[in-house]
PDB file of N, CA and C in Angstrom:
ATOM      1  N   MET A   1      49.928  25.854 -10.546  1.00  0.00           N
ATOM      2  CA  MET A   1      50.419  24.550 -11.026  1.00  0.00           C
ATOM      3  C   MET A   1      50.374  23.867  -9.963  1.00  0.00           C
ATOM      4  N   ALA A   2      51.348  24.267  -9.152  1.00  0.00           N
ATOM      5  CA  ALA A   2      51.878  23.421  -7.840  1.00  0.00           C
ATOM      6  C   ALA A   2      50.749  23.282  -6.965  1.00  0.00           C
ATOM      7  N   SER A   3      49.659  24.344  -6.885  1.00  0.00           N
ATOM      8  CA  SER A   3      48.888  24.230  -5.913  1.00  0.00           C
ATOM      9  C   SER A   3      47.666  22.950  -6.275  1.00  0.00           C
ATOM     10  N   ASP A   4      47.434  22.767  -7.612  1.00  0.00           N
ATOM     11  CA  ASP A   4      46.546  21.832  -8.266  1.00  0.00           C
ATOM     12  C   ASP A   4      47.074  20.626  -7.810  1.00  0.00           C
ATOM     13  N   TYR A   5      48.574  20.365  -7.806  1.00  0.00           N
ATOM     14  CA  TYR A   5      49.000  19.151  -7.616  1.00  0.00           C
ATOM     15  C   TYR A   5      49.014  18.818  -6.045  1.00  0.00           C
ATOM     16  N   ASN A   6      49.028  19.890  -5.341  1.00  0.00           N
ATOM     17  CA  ASN A   6      48.839  19.848  -3.637  1.00  0.00           C
ATOM     18  C   ASN A   6      47.383  19.356  -3.662  1.00  0.00           C
ATOM     19  N   ASN A   7      46.502  20.027  -4.164  1.00  0.00           N
ATOM     20  CA  ASN A   7      45.111  19.607  -3.907  1.00  0.00           C
ATOM     21  C   ASN A   7      44.648  18.222  -4.315  1.00  0.00           C
ATOM     22  N   LYS A   8      45.339  17.864  -5.291  1.00  0.00           N
ATOM     23  CA  LYS A   8      45.013  16.279  -5.876  1.00  0.00           C
ATOM     24  C   LYS A   8      45.504  15.468  -4.915  1.00  0.00           C
ATOM     25  N   LYS A   9      47.112  15.793  -4.405  1.00  0.00           N
ATOM     26  CA  LYS A   9      47.655  15.124  -3.592  1.00  0.00           C
ATOM     27  C   LYS A   9      46.898  14.858  -2.178  1.00  0.00           C
ATOM     28  N   LYS A  10      46.222  16.223  -1.817  1.00  0.00           N
ATOM     29  CA  LYS A  10      45.433  15.785  -0.605  1.00  0.00           C
ATOM     30  C   LYS A  10      44.265  15.292  -0.655  1.00  0.00           C
ATOM     31  N   HIS A  11      43.491  15.223  -1.811  1.00  0.00           N
ATOM     32  CA  HIS A  11      42.234  14.800  -2.121  1.00  0.00           C
ATOM     33  C   HIS A  11      42.350  13.078  -2.061  1.00  0.00           C
ATOM     34  N   ALA A  12      43.562  12.649  -2.743  1.00  0.00           N
ATOM     35  CA  ALA A  12      43.988  11.268  -2.742  1.00  0.00           C
ATOM     36  C   ALA A  12      44.455  10.541  -1.440  1.00  0.00           C
ATOM     37  N   SER A  13      45.082  11.465  -0.856  1.00  0.00           N
ATOM     38  CA  SER A  13      45.465  10.990   0.507  1.00  0.00           C
ATOM     39  C   SER A  13      44.272  10.816   1.520  1.00  0.00           C
ATOM     40  N   LYS A  14      43.043  11.631   1.369  1.00  0.00           N
ATOM     41  CA  LYS A  14      42.057  11.517   2.110  1.00  0.00           C
ATOM     42  C   LYS A  14      41.161  10.259   1.697  1.00  0.00           C
ATOM     43  N   ALA A  15      41.351  10.122   0.398  1.00  0.00           N
ATOM     44  CA  ALA A  15      40.608   8.843   0.012  1.00  0.00           C
ATOM     45  C   ALA A  15      41.022   7.379   0.498  1.00  0.00           C
ATOM     46  N   SER A  16      42.605   7.518   0.434  1.00  0.00           N
ATOM     47  CA  SER A  16      43.481   6.530   0.837  1.00  0.00           C
ATOM     48  C   SER A  16      43.365   6.144   2.172  1.00  0.00           C
ATOM     49  N   GLN A  17      43.203   7.360   3.010  1.00  0.00           N
ATOM     50  CA  GLN A  17      42.953   7.235   4.275  1.00  0.00           C
ATOM     51  C   GLN A  17      41.614   6.648   4.900  1.00  0.00           C
ATOM     52  N   THR A  18      40.580   6.820   4.168  1.00  0.00           N
ATOM     53  CA  THR A  18      39.058   6.334   4.080  1.00  0.00           C
ATOM     54  C   THR A  18      39.263   4.793   3.843  1.00  0.00           C
ATOM     55  N   MET A  19      40.030   4.669   2.759  1.00  0.00           N
ATOM     56  CA  MET A  19      40.219   2.985   2.311  1.00  0.00           C
ATOM     57  C   MET A  19      41.068   2.374   3.353  1.00  0.00           C
ATOM     58  N   ASN A  20      42.096   2.937   3.701  1.00  0.00           N
ATOM     59  CA  ASN A  20      42.843   2.334   4.775  1.00  0.00           C
ATOM     60  C   ASN A  20      41.956   2.069   5.947  1.00  0.00           C
ATOM     61  N   GLY A  21      41.236   3.007   6.408  1.00  0.00           N
ATOM     62  CA  GLY A  21      40.318   2.948   7.680  1.00  0.00           C
ATOM     63  C   GLY A  21      39.156   1.761   7.509  1.00  0.00           C
ATOM     64  N   LEU A  22      38.863   1.712   6.332  1.00  0.00           N
ATOM     65  CA  LEU A  22      37.819   0.714   6.135  1.00  0.00           C
ATOM     66  C   LEU A  22      38.442  -0.763   6.039  1.00  0.00           C
ATOM     67  N   LEU A  23      39.680  -0.847   5.731  1.00  0.00           N
ATOM     68  CA  LEU A  23      40.452  -2.292   5.385  1.00  0.00           C
ATOM     69  C   LEU A  23      40.856  -2.618   6.759  1.00  0.00           C
ATOM     70  N   LEU A  24      41.305  -1.625   7.360  1.00  0.00           N
ATOM     71  CA  LEU A  24      41.963  -2.032   8.832  1.00  0.00           C
ATOM     72  C   LEU A  24      40.840  -2.223  10.017  1.00  0.00           C
ATOM     73  N   GLY A  25      39.442  -2.139   9.494  1.00  0.00           N
ATOM     74  CA  GLY A  25      38.370  -2.440  10.313  1.00  0.00           C
ATOM     75  C   GLY A  25      37.867  -1.210  11.085  1.00  0.00           C
ATOM     76  N   ARG A  26      38.121   0.012  10.872  1.00  0.00           N
ATOM     77  CA  ARG A  26      37.735   1.210  11.455  1.00  0.00           C
ATOM     78  C   ARG A  26      36.556   1.663  10.641  1.00  0.00           C
ATOM     79  N   SER A  27      35.318   1.884  11.439  1.00  0.00           N
ATOM     80  CA  SER A  27      34.153   2.213  10.685  1.00  0.00           C
ATOM     81  C   SER A  27      34.145   3.741  10.165  1.00  0.00           C
ATOM     82  N   PHE A  28      33.518   3.961   9.479  1.00  0.00           N
ATOM     83  CA  PHE A  28      33.445   5.319   9.046  1.00  0.00           C
ATOM     84  C   PHE A  28      32.126   6.000   9.811  1.00  0.00           C
ATOM     85  N   LEU A  29      31.472   5.263  10.455  1.00  0.00           N
ATOM     86  CA  LEU A  29      30.290   5.733  11.257  1.00  0.00           C
ATOM     87  C   LEU A  29      30.725   5.775  12.709  1.00  0.00           C
ATOM     88  N   SER A  30      31.586   6.761  12.609  1.00  0.00           N
ATOM     89  CA  SER A  30      32.206   7.290  13.911  1.00  0.00           C
ATOM     90  C   SER A  30      31.410   8.419  14.556  1.00  0.00           C
ATOM     91  N   LEU A  31      31.625   9.039  15.560  1.00  0.00           N
ATOM     92  CA  LEU A  31      31.013  10.084  16.063  1.00  0.00           C
ATOM     93  C   LEU A  31      30.933  11.252  15.268  1.00  0.00           C
ATOM     94  N   GLU A  32      32.199  11.398  14.819  1.00  0.00           N
ATOM     95  CA  GLU A  32      32.639  12.708  13.919  1.00  0.00           C
ATOM     96  C   GLU A  32      31.780  12.547  12.768  1.00  0.00           C
ATOM     97  N   PHE A  33      31.426  11.341  12.321  1.00  0.00           N
ATOM     98  CA  PHE A  33      30.726  11.437  10.912  1.00  0.00           C
ATOM     99  C   PHE A  33      29.087  11.850  11.315  1.00  0.00           C
ATOM    100  N   PHE A  34      28.771  11.515  12.627  1.00  0.00           N
ATOM    101  CA  PHE A  34      27.344  11.948  12.815  1.00  0.00           C
ATOM    102  C   PHE A  34      27.239  13.224  13.311  1.00  0.00           C
ATOM    103  N   LYS A  35      28.433  13.778  13.801  1.00  0.00           N
ATOM    104  CA  LYS A  35      28.523  15.280  14.060  1.00  0.00           C
ATOM    105  C   LYS A  35      28.392  16.141  12.682  1.00  0.00           C
ATOM    106  N   ARG A  36      29.237  15.712  11.758  1.00  0.00           N
ATOM    107  CA  ARG A  36      29.310  16.583  10.609  1.00  0.00           C
ATOM    108  C   ARG A  36      28.108  16.273   9.963  1.00  0.00           C
ATOM    109  N   ASN A  37      27.219  15.219   9.889  1.00  0.00           N
ATOM    110  CA  ASN A  37      26.163  14.999   8.933  1.00  0.00           C
ATOM    111  C   ASN A  37      24.887  15.013   9.886  1.00  0.00           C
ATOM    112  N   PHE A  38      24.678  15.843  10.921  1.00  0.00           N
ATOM    113  CA  PHE A  38      23.564  15.376  11.920  1.00  0.00           C
ATOM    114  C   PHE A  38      22.330  15.995  11.406  1.00  0.00           C
ATOM    115  N   LEU A  39      22.362  17.057  10.527  1.00  0.00           N
ATOM    116  CA  LEU A  39      21.060  17.877  10.161  1.00  0.00           C
ATOM    117  C   LEU A  39      20.680  16.860   8.684  1.00  0.00           C
ATOM    118  N   PHE A  40      21.646  16.359   8.114  1.00  0.00           N
ATOM    119  CA  PHE A  40      21.212  15.370   7.054  1.00  0.00           C
ATOM    120  C   PHE A  40      20.661  14.265   7.496  1.00  0.00           C
ATOM    121  N   ILE A  41      21.197  13.619   8.429  1.00  0.00           N
ATOM    122  CA  ILE A  41      20.459  12.269   9.115  1.00  0.00           C
ATOM    123  C   ILE A  41      19.293  12.628   9.655  1.00  0.00           C
ATOM    124  N   ILE A  42      18.935  13.676  10.290  1.00  0.00           N
ATOM    125  CA  ILE A  42      17.650  14.009  10.742  1.00  0.00           C
ATOM    126  C   ILE A  42      16.469  14.011   9.631  1.00  0.00           C
ATOM    127  N   PHE A  43      17.444  14.962   8.681  1.00  0.00           N
ATOM    128  CA  PHE A  43      16.281  15.107   7.525  1.00  0.00           C
ATOM    129  C   PHE A  43      15.787  13.626   6.485  1.00  0.00           C
ATOM    130  N   ILE A  44      16.830  12.804   6.695  1.00  0.00           N
ATOM    131  CA  ILE A  44      16.454  11.513   5.975  1.00  0.00           C
ATOM    132  C   ILE A  44      15.645  10.892   6.693  1.00  0.00           C
ATOM    133  N   THR A  45      15.770  10.975   8.222  1.00  0.00           N
ATOM    134  CA  THR A  45      14.955  10.182   8.918  1.00  0.00           C
ATOM    135  C   THR A  45      13.429  10.608   8.981  1.00  0.00           C
ATOM    136  N   GLY A  46      13.452  11.836   8.988  1.00  0.00           N
ATOM    137  CA  GLY A  46      12.174  12.808   8.883  1.00  0.00           C
ATOM    138  C   GLY A  46      11.385  12.003   7.343  1.00  0.00           C
ATOM    139  N   LEU A  47      12.034  12.031   6.469  1.00  0.00           N
ATOM    140  CA  LEU A  47      11.539  11.739   5.191  1.00  0.00           C
ATOM    141  C   LEU A  47      10.986  10.292   5.048  1.00  0.00           C
ATOM    142  N   MET A  48      11.804   9.485   5.690  1.00  0.00           N
ATOM    143  CA  MET A  48      11.497   7.959   5.951  1.00  0.00           C
ATOM    144  C   MET A  48      10.081   8.038   6.758  1.00  0.00           C
ATOM    145  N   LEU A  49      10.155   8.776   7.872  1.00  0.00           N
ATOM    146  CA  LEU A  49       8.988   8.513   8.566  1.00  0.00           C
ATOM    147  C   LEU A  49       7.826   9.172   7.912  1.00  0.00           C
ATOM    148  N   MET A  50       7.840  10.133   7.032  1.00  0.00           N
ATOM    149  CA  MET A  50       6.964  10.806   6.350  1.00  0.00           C
ATOM    150  C   MET A  50       6.354   9.824   5.319  1.00  0.00           C
ATOM    151  N   TYR A  51       7.247   8.964   4.806  1.00  0.00           N
ATOM    152  CA  TYR A  51       7.004   8.038   3.703  1.00  0.00           C
ATOM    153  C   TYR A  51       5.953   7.001   4.173  1.00  0.00           C
ATOM    154  N   ILE A  52       6.717   6.329   5.539  1.00  0.00           N
ATOM    155  CA  ILE A  52       5.975   5.098   6.152  1.00  0.00           C
ATOM    156  C   ILE A  52       4.429   5.736   6.505  1.00  0.00           C
ATOM    157  N   GLY A  53       4.253   6.904   7.193  1.00  0.00           N
ATOM    158  CA  GLY A  53       2.862   7.496   7.433  1.00  0.00           C
ATOM    159  C   GLY A  53       2.224   7.612   6.281  1.00  0.00           C
ATOM    160  N   ASN A  54       2.651   8.051   5.083  1.00  0.00           N
ATOM    161  CA  ASN A  54       1.837   8.291   3.789  1.00  0.00           C
ATOM    162  C   ASN A  54       1.407   6.836   3.307  1.00  0.00           C
ATOM    163  N   LYS A  55       2.456   5.929   3.423  1.00  0.00           N
ATOM    164  CA  LYS A  55       1.788   4.571   3.035  1.00  0.00           C
ATOM    165  C   LYS A  55       0.584   4.068   3.899  1.00  0.00           C
ATOM    166  N   PHE A  56       0.807   4.122   5.244  1.00  0.00           N
ATOM    167  CA  PHE A  56      -0.205   3.863   6.051  1.00  0.00           C
ATOM    168  C   PHE A  56      -1.437   4.342   5.892  1.00  0.00           C
ATOM    169  N   GLU A  57      -1.395   5.845   5.540  1.00  0.00           N
ATOM    170  CA  GLU A  57      -2.593   6.374   5.426  1.00  0.00           C
ATOM    171  C   GLU A  57      -3.322   6.066   4.119  1.00  0.00           C
ATOM    172  N   CYS A  58      -2.495   5.824   3.166  1.00  0.00           N
ATOM    173  CA  CYS A  58      -2.852   5.445   1.846  1.00  0.00           C
ATOM    174  C   CYS A  58      -3.452   4.089   1.718  1.00  0.00           C
ATOM    175  N   GLN A  59      -2.880   3.226   2.389  1.00  0.00           N
ATOM    176  CA  GLN A  59      -3.630   1.933   2.515  1.00  0.00           C
ATOM    177  C   GLN A  59      -4.943   1.858   3.366  1.00  0.00           C
ATOM    178  N   SER A  60      -5.087   2.747   4.490  1.00  0.00           N
ATOM    179  CA  SER A  60      -6.078   2.934   5.045  1.00  0.00           C
ATOM    180  C   SER A  60      -7.378   3.264   4.062  1.00  0.00           C
ATOM    181  N   LYS A  61      -6.999   4.286   3.517  1.00  0.00           N
ATOM    182  CA  LYS A  61      -7.949   4.935   2.492  1.00  0.00           C
ATOM    183  C   LYS A  61      -8.414   3.863   1.340  1.00  0.00           C
ATOM    184  N   MET A  62      -7.462   3.327   1.077  1.00  0.00           N
ATOM    185  CA  MET A  62      -7.766   1.933   0.160  1.00  0.00           C
ATOM    186  C   MET A  62      -8.700   1.096   0.731  1.00  0.00           C
ATOM    187  N   GLN A  63      -8.833   0.732   1.766  1.00  0.00           N
ATOM    188  CA  GLN A  63      -9.440  -0.290   2.549  1.00  0.00           C
ATOM    189  C   GLN A  63     -11.099   0.291   2.789  1.00  0.00           C
ATOM    190  N   GLU A  64     -10.720   1.638   3.094  1.00  0.00           N
ATOM    191  CA  GLU A  64     -12.124   2.317   3.299  1.00  0.00           C
ATOM    192  C   GLU A  64     -12.865   2.419   1.903  1.00  0.00           C
ATOM    193  N   VAL A  65     -12.127   2.869   0.957  1.00  0.00           N
ATOM    194  CA  VAL A  65     -12.536   2.627  -0.372  1.00  0.00           C
ATOM    195  C   VAL A  65     -13.388   1.354  -0.802  1.00  0.00           C
ATOM    196  N   MET A  66     -12.517   0.397  -0.435  1.00  0.00           N
ATOM    197  CA  MET A  66     -13.048  -1.266  -1.004  1.00  0.00           C
ATOM    198  C   MET A  66     -14.480  -1.510  -0.208  1.00  0.00           C
ATOM    199  N   ASN A  67     -14.305  -0.913   1.454  1.00  0.00           N
ATOM    200  CA  ASN A  67     -15.566  -1.424   2.106  1.00  0.00           C
ATOM    201  C   ASN A  67     -16.813  -0.504   1.642  1.00  0.00           C
ATOM    202  N   LEU A  68     -16.488   0.870   1.174  1.00  0.00           N
ATOM    203  CA  LEU A  68     -17.612   1.598   0.680  1.00  0.00           C
ATOM    204  C   LEU A  68     -18.237   0.944  -0.634  1.00  0.00           C
ATOM    205  N   LYS A  69     -17.323   0.463  -1.509  1.00  0.00           N
ATOM    206  CA  LYS A  69     -17.676  -0.172  -2.867  1.00  0.00           C
ATOM    207  C   LYS A  69     -18.576  -1.614  -2.701  1.00  0.00           C
ATOM    208  N   THR A  70     -18.140  -2.152  -1.663  1.00  0.00           N
ATOM    209  CA  THR A  70     -19.096  -3.263  -1.261  1.00  0.00           C
ATOM    210  C   THR A  70     -20.524  -2.861  -0.851  1.00  0.00           C
ATOM    211  N   GLU A  71     -20.291  -1.810  -0.044  1.00  0.00           N
ATOM    212  CA  GLU A  71     -21.693  -1.156   0.646  1.00  0.00           C
ATOM    213  C   GLU A  71     -22.454  -0.623  -0.546  1.00  0.00           C
ATOM    214  N   LEU A  72     -21.932  -0.094  -1.339  1.00  0.00           N
ATOM    215  CA  LEU A  72     -22.737   0.509  -2.572  1.00  0.00           C
ATOM    216  C   LEU A  72     -23.277  -0.510  -3.406  1.00  0.00           C
ATOM    217  N   ASP A  73     -22.459  -1.596  -3.669  1.00  0.00           N
ATOM    218  CA  ASP A  73     -22.961  -2.745  -4.516  1.00  0.00           C
ATOM    219  C   ASP A  73     -24.252  -3.512  -3.852  1.00  0.00           C
ATOM    220  N   ASN A  74     -24.153  -3.599  -2.389  1.00  0.00           N
ATOM    221  CA  ASN A  74     -25.157  -4.053  -1.485  1.00  0.00           C
ATOM    222  C   ASN A  74     -26.466  -3.139  -1.765  1.00  0.00           C
ATOM    223  N   ALA A  75     -26.266  -2.035  -1.730  1.00  0.00           N
ATOM    224  CA  ALA A  75     -27.280  -0.873  -1.608  1.00  0.00           C
ATOM    225  C   ALA A  75     -27.909  -1.154  -3.077  1.00  0.00           C
ATOM    226  N   LYS A  76     -26.946  -1.070  -4.283  1.00  0.00           N
ATOM    227  CA  LYS A  76     -27.801  -1.191  -5.628  1.00  0.00           C
ATOM    228  C   LYS A  76     -28.738  -2.344  -5.724  1.00  0.00           C
ATOM    229  N   THR A  77     -28.159  -3.420  -5.014  1.00  0.00           N
ATOM    230  CA  THR A  77     -28.968  -4.835  -5.174  1.00  0.00           C
ATOM    231  C   THR A  77     -30.347  -4.694  -4.494  1.00  0.00           C
ATOM    232  N   ASP A  78     -30.265  -3.859  -3.449  1.00  0.00           N
ATOM    233  CA  ASP A  78     -31.524  -3.792  -2.738  1.00  0.00           C
ATOM    234  C   ASP A  78     -32.264  -2.832  -3.470  1.00  0.00           C
ATOM    235  N   CYS A  79     -31.974  -1.730  -3.912  1.00  0.00           N
ATOM    236  CA  CYS A  79     -32.669  -1.004  -4.890  1.00  0.00           C
ATOM    237  C   CYS A  79     -33.108  -1.794  -6.220  1.00  0.00           C
ATOM    238  N   VAL A  80     -32.596  -2.515  -6.493  1.00  0.00           N
ATOM    239  CA  VAL A  80     -33.045  -3.279  -7.889  1.00  0.00           C
ATOM    240  C   VAL A  80     -34.093  -4.218  -7.391  1.00  0.00           C
ATOM    241  N   ASN A  81     -33.903  -4.909  -6.453  1.00  0.00           N
ATOM    242  CA  ASN A  81     -35.069  -5.805  -5.495  1.00  0.00           C
ATOM    243  C   ASN A  81     -36.185  -5.048  -5.386  1.00  0.00           C
ATOM    244  N   ALA A  82     -35.998  -3.992  -4.703  1.00  0.00           N
ATOM    245  CA  ALA A  82     -37.320  -3.058  -4.188  1.00  0.00           C
ATOM    246  C   ALA A  82     -37.782  -2.596  -5.564  1.00  0.00           C
ATOM    247  N   SER A  83     -37.323  -2.042  -6.440  1.00  0.00           N
ATOM    248  CA  SER A  83     -37.964  -1.938  -7.758  1.00  0.00           C
ATOM    249  C   SER A  83     -38.502  -2.867  -8.503  1.00  0.00           C
ATOM    250  N   ALA A  84     -38.134  -4.203  -8.616  1.00  0.00           N
ATOM    251  CA  ALA A  84     -38.808  -5.131  -9.110  1.00  0.00           C
ATOM    252  C   ALA A  84     -40.098  -5.451  -8.474  1.00  0.00           C
ATOM    253  N   LYS A  85     -39.845  -5.470  -7.135  1.00  0.00           N
ATOM    254  CA  LYS A  85     -41.160  -5.854  -6.388  1.00  0.00           C
ATOM    255  C   LYS A  85     -42.190  -4.827  -6.548  1.00  0.00           C
ATOM    256  N   TYR A  86     -41.928  -3.508  -6.557  1.00  0.00           N
ATOM    257  CA  TYR A  86     -42.608  -2.552  -6.715  1.00  0.00           C
ATOM    258  C   TYR A  86     -43.462  -2.464  -7.946  1.00  0.00           C
ATOM    259  N   ASN A  87     -42.651  -2.621  -9.173  1.00  0.00           N
ATOM    260  CA  ASN A  87     -43.289  -2.749 -10.279  1.00  0.00           C
ATOM    261  C   ASN A  87     -44.152  -3.940 -10.502  1.00  0.00           C
ATOM    262  N   SER A  88     -43.901  -5.137 -10.074  1.00  0.00           N
ATOM    263  CA  SER A  88     -44.777  -6.222  -9.969  1.00  0.00           C
ATOM    264  C   SER A  88     -46.166  -6.030  -9.190  1.00  0.00           C
ATOM    265  N   MET A  89     -45.983  -5.288  -8.291  1.00  0.00           N
ATOM    266  CA  MET A  89     -47.213  -4.890  -7.310  1.00  0.00           C
ATOM    267  C   MET A  89     -47.971  -4.035  -8.226  1.00  0.00           C
ATOM    268  N   ILE A  90     -47.474  -3.030  -8.772  1.00  0.00           N
ATOM    269  CA  ILE A  90     -48.082  -1.927  -9.665  1.00  0.00           C
ATOM    270  C   ILE A  90     -48.804  -2.830 -10.905  1.00  0.00           C
ATOM    271  N   ARG A  91     -48.032  -3.649 -11.379  1.00  0.00           N
ATOM    272  CA  ARG A  91     -48.620  -4.217 -12.617  1.00  0.00           C
ATOM    273  C   ARG A  91     -49.958  -4.946 -12.307  1.00  0.00           C
ATOM    274  N   GLU A  92     -49.725  -5.739 -10.999  1.00  0.00           N
ATOM    275  CA  GLU A  92     -51.073  -6.359 -10.560  1.00  0.00           C
ATOM    276  C   GLU A  92     -52.231  -5.530 -10.197  1.00  0.00           C
ATOM    277  N   SER A  93     -51.894  -4.603  -9.502  1.00  0.00           N
ATOM    278  CA  SER A  93     -52.843  -3.683  -9.200  1.00  0.00           C
ATOM    279  C   SER A  93     -53.583  -2.840 -10.427  1.00  0.00           C
ATOM    280  N   GLN A  94     -52.868  -2.680 -11.291  1.00  0.00           N
ATOM    281  CA  GLN A  94     -53.418  -1.782 -12.579  1.00  0.00           C
ATOM    282  C   GLN A  94     -54.522  -2.819 -13.161  1.00  0.00           C
ATOM    283  N   MET A  95     -53.802  -4.153 -13.522  1.00  0.00           N
ATOM    284  CA  MET A  95     -54.550  -5.234 -14.137  1.00  0.00           C
ATOM    285  C   MET A  95     -55.933  -5.424 -13.476  1.00  0.00           C
ATOM    286  N   LYS A  96     -56.050  -5.288 -12.035  1.00  0.00           N
ATOM    287  CA  LYS A  96     -57.016  -5.541 -11.453  1.00  0.00           C
ATOM    288  C   LYS A  96     -58.076  -4.430 -11.643  1.00  0.00           C
ATOM    289  N   ALA A  97     -57.548  -3.126 -11.726  1.00  0.00           N
ATOM    290  CA  ALA A  97     -58.396  -2.124 -11.857  1.00  0.00           C
ATOM    291  C   ALA A  97     -58.799  -1.976 -13.318  1.00  0.00           C
ATOM    292  N   TYR A  98     -58.086  -2.527 -14.184  1.00  0.00           N
ATOM    293  CA  TYR A  98     -58.446  -2.365 -15.572  1.00  0.00           C
ATOM    294  C   TYR A  98     -59.715  -3.412 -15.813  1.00  0.00           C
ATOM    295  N   VAL A  99     -59.623  -4.523 -15.100  1.00  0.00           N
ATOM    296  CA  VAL A  99     -60.753  -5.870 -15.253  1.00  0.00           C
ATOM    297  C   VAL A  99     -61.746  -5.138 -14.522  1.00  0.00           C
ATOM    298  N   ASP A 100     -61.649  -4.386 -13.394  1.00  0.00           N
ATOM    299  CA  ASP A 100     -62.834  -3.995 -12.715  1.00  0.00           C
ATOM    300  C   ASP A 100     -63.582  -2.889 -13.714  1.00  0.00           C
ATOM    301  N   THR A 101     -62.870  -1.947 -14.325  1.00  0.00           N
ATOM    302  CA  THR A 101     -63.771  -0.624 -15.026  1.00  0.00           C
ATOM    303  C   THR A 101     -64.226  -1.639 -16.353  1.00  0.00           C
ATOM    304  N   MET A 102     -63.500  -2.543 -16.845  1.00  0.00           N
ATOM    305  CA  MET A 102     -64.269  -3.342 -18.150  1.00  0.00           C
ATOM    306  C   MET A 102     -65.399  -4.121 -17.674  1.00  0.00           C
ATOM    307  N   HIS A 103     -65.665  -4.423 -16.452  1.00  0.00           N
ATOM    308  CA  HIS A 103     -66.511  -5.291 -15.955  1.00  0.00           C
ATOM    309  C   HIS A 103     -66.608  -6.577 -16.564  1.00  0.00           C
ATOM    310  N   ILE A 104     -65.462  -7.287 -16.387  1.00  0.00           N
ATOM    311  CA  ILE A 104     -65.377  -8.593 -16.638  1.00  0.00           C
ATOM    312  C   ILE A 104     -65.059  -9.239 -15.535  1.00  0.00           C
ATOM    313  N   ASP A 105     -65.758 -10.585 -15.556  1.00  0.00           N
ATOM    314  CA  ASP A 105     -65.954 -11.300 -14.394  1.00  0.00           C
ATOM    315  C   ASP A 105     -64.836 -12.234 -14.442  1.00  0.00           C
ATOM    316  N   LEU A 106     -63.367 -11.480 -14.197  1.00  0.00           N
ATOM    317  CA  LEU A 106     -62.303 -12.476 -13.763  1.00  0.00           C
ATOM    318  C   LEU A 106     -61.813 -12.075 -12.356  1.00  0.00           C
ATOM    319  N   SER A 107     -61.060 -13.400 -11.886  1.00  0.00           N
ATOM    320  CA  SER A 107     -60.675 -13.497 -10.515  1.00  0.00           C
ATOM    321  C   SER A 107     -59.395 -14.151 -10.504  1.00  0.00           C
ATOM    322  N   ASN A 108     -58.769 -14.059  -9.470  1.00  0.00           N
ATOM    323  CA  ASN A 108     -57.721 -14.836  -9.251  1.00  0.00           C
ATOM    324  C   ASN A 108     -57.691 -16.324  -8.896  1.00  0.00           C
ATOM    325  N   PRO A 109     -57.137 -17.137  -9.674  1.00  0.00           N
ATOM    326  CA  PRO A 109     -57.458 -18.402  -9.150  1.00  0.00           C
ATOM    327  C   PRO A 109     -57.066 -18.996  -8.018  1.00  0.00           C
ATOM    328  N   GLU A 110     -57.829 -19.792  -7.356  1.00  0.00           N
ATOM    329  CA  GLU A 110     -57.589 -20.212  -5.800  1.00  0.00           C
ATOM    330  C   GLU A 110     -56.623 -21.235  -5.874  1.00  0.00           C
ATOM    331  N   CYS A 111     -56.570 -22.259  -7.023  1.00  0.00           N
ATOM    332  CA  CYS A 111     -55.806 -23.401  -6.956  1.00  0.00           C
ATOM    333  C   CYS A 111     -54.604 -23.131  -8.077  1.00  0.00           C
ATOM    334  N   PRO A 112     -53.364 -23.724  -7.864  1.00  0.00           N
ATOM    335  CA  PRO A 112     -52.592 -23.475  -9.062  1.00  0.00           C
ATOM    336  C   PRO A 112     -53.152 -24.146 -10.498  1.00  0.00           C
ATOM    337  N   PRO A 113     -52.560 -24.069 -11.640  1.00  0.00           N
ATOM    338  CA  PRO A 113     -52.732 -24.703 -12.718  1.00  0.00           C
ATOM    339  C   PRO A 113     -52.499 -25.978 -12.738  1.00  0.00           C
ATOM    340  N   TYR A 114     -53.088 -26.802 -13.507  1.00  0.00           N
ATOM    341  CA  TYR A 114     -52.579 -28.141 -13.814  1.00  0.00           C
ATOM    342  C   TYR A 114     -52.876 -28.643 -15.116  1.00  0.00           C
ATOM    343  N   TYR A 115     -52.094 -29.496 -15.692  1.00  0.00           N
ATOM    344  CA  TYR A 115     -52.009 -29.935 -16.942  1.00  0.00           C
ATOM    345  C   TYR A 115     -52.602 -30.981 -17.449  1.00  0.00           C
ATOM    346  N   LEU A 116     -53.372 -30.844 -18.374  1.00  0.00           N
ATOM    347  CA  LEU A 116     -54.210 -32.229 -18.896  1.00  0.00           C
ATOM    348  C   LEU A 116     -52.984 -33.112 -19.852  1.00  0.00           C
ATOM    349  N   SER A 117     -52.968 -34.366 -19.703  1.00  0.00           N
ATOM    350  CA  SER A 117     -52.070 -34.835 -20.564  1.00  0.00           C
ATOM    351  C   SER A 117     -52.962 -36.261 -21.079  1.00  0.00           C
ATOM    352  N   LYS A 118     -52.758 -36.634 -22.319  1.00  0.00           N
ATOM    353  CA  LYS A 118     -53.114 -37.768 -23.066  1.00  0.00           C
ATOM    354  C   LYS A 118     -52.308 -38.884 -22.490  1.00  0.00           C
ATOM    355  N   LYS A 119     -53.235 -40.207 -22.238  1.00  0.00           N
ATOM    356  CA  LYS A 119     -52.285 -41.260 -21.848  1.00  0.00           C
ATOM    357  C   LYS A 119     -53.040 -42.413 -22.689  1.00  0.00           C
TER     358      LYS A 119
END
């Protein structure tokens, strides 16, 4: 029972010493603090550097994905345009071949159409 009382008293005195040190302007960031927590400080610093590196890599990958999406959209647009042009060329050539096989005397007009209006 007496040893429990002594342990509580020591713990309380250590806390009061820390509080007195802070109130009197003594910093707890002394050389002893760094000596005691050297490995922990190195570990936390390493984690912070890994976090910063991971964030930078993630942002770089996101930028690359956005650039690739833009490039893909442009390629899709080019593909649609090429497909439309190809289909229009095929339709025209098929119609010409069909007219030739049926021996119909049709040809492409030389001048654009015009409208007749009543006045």
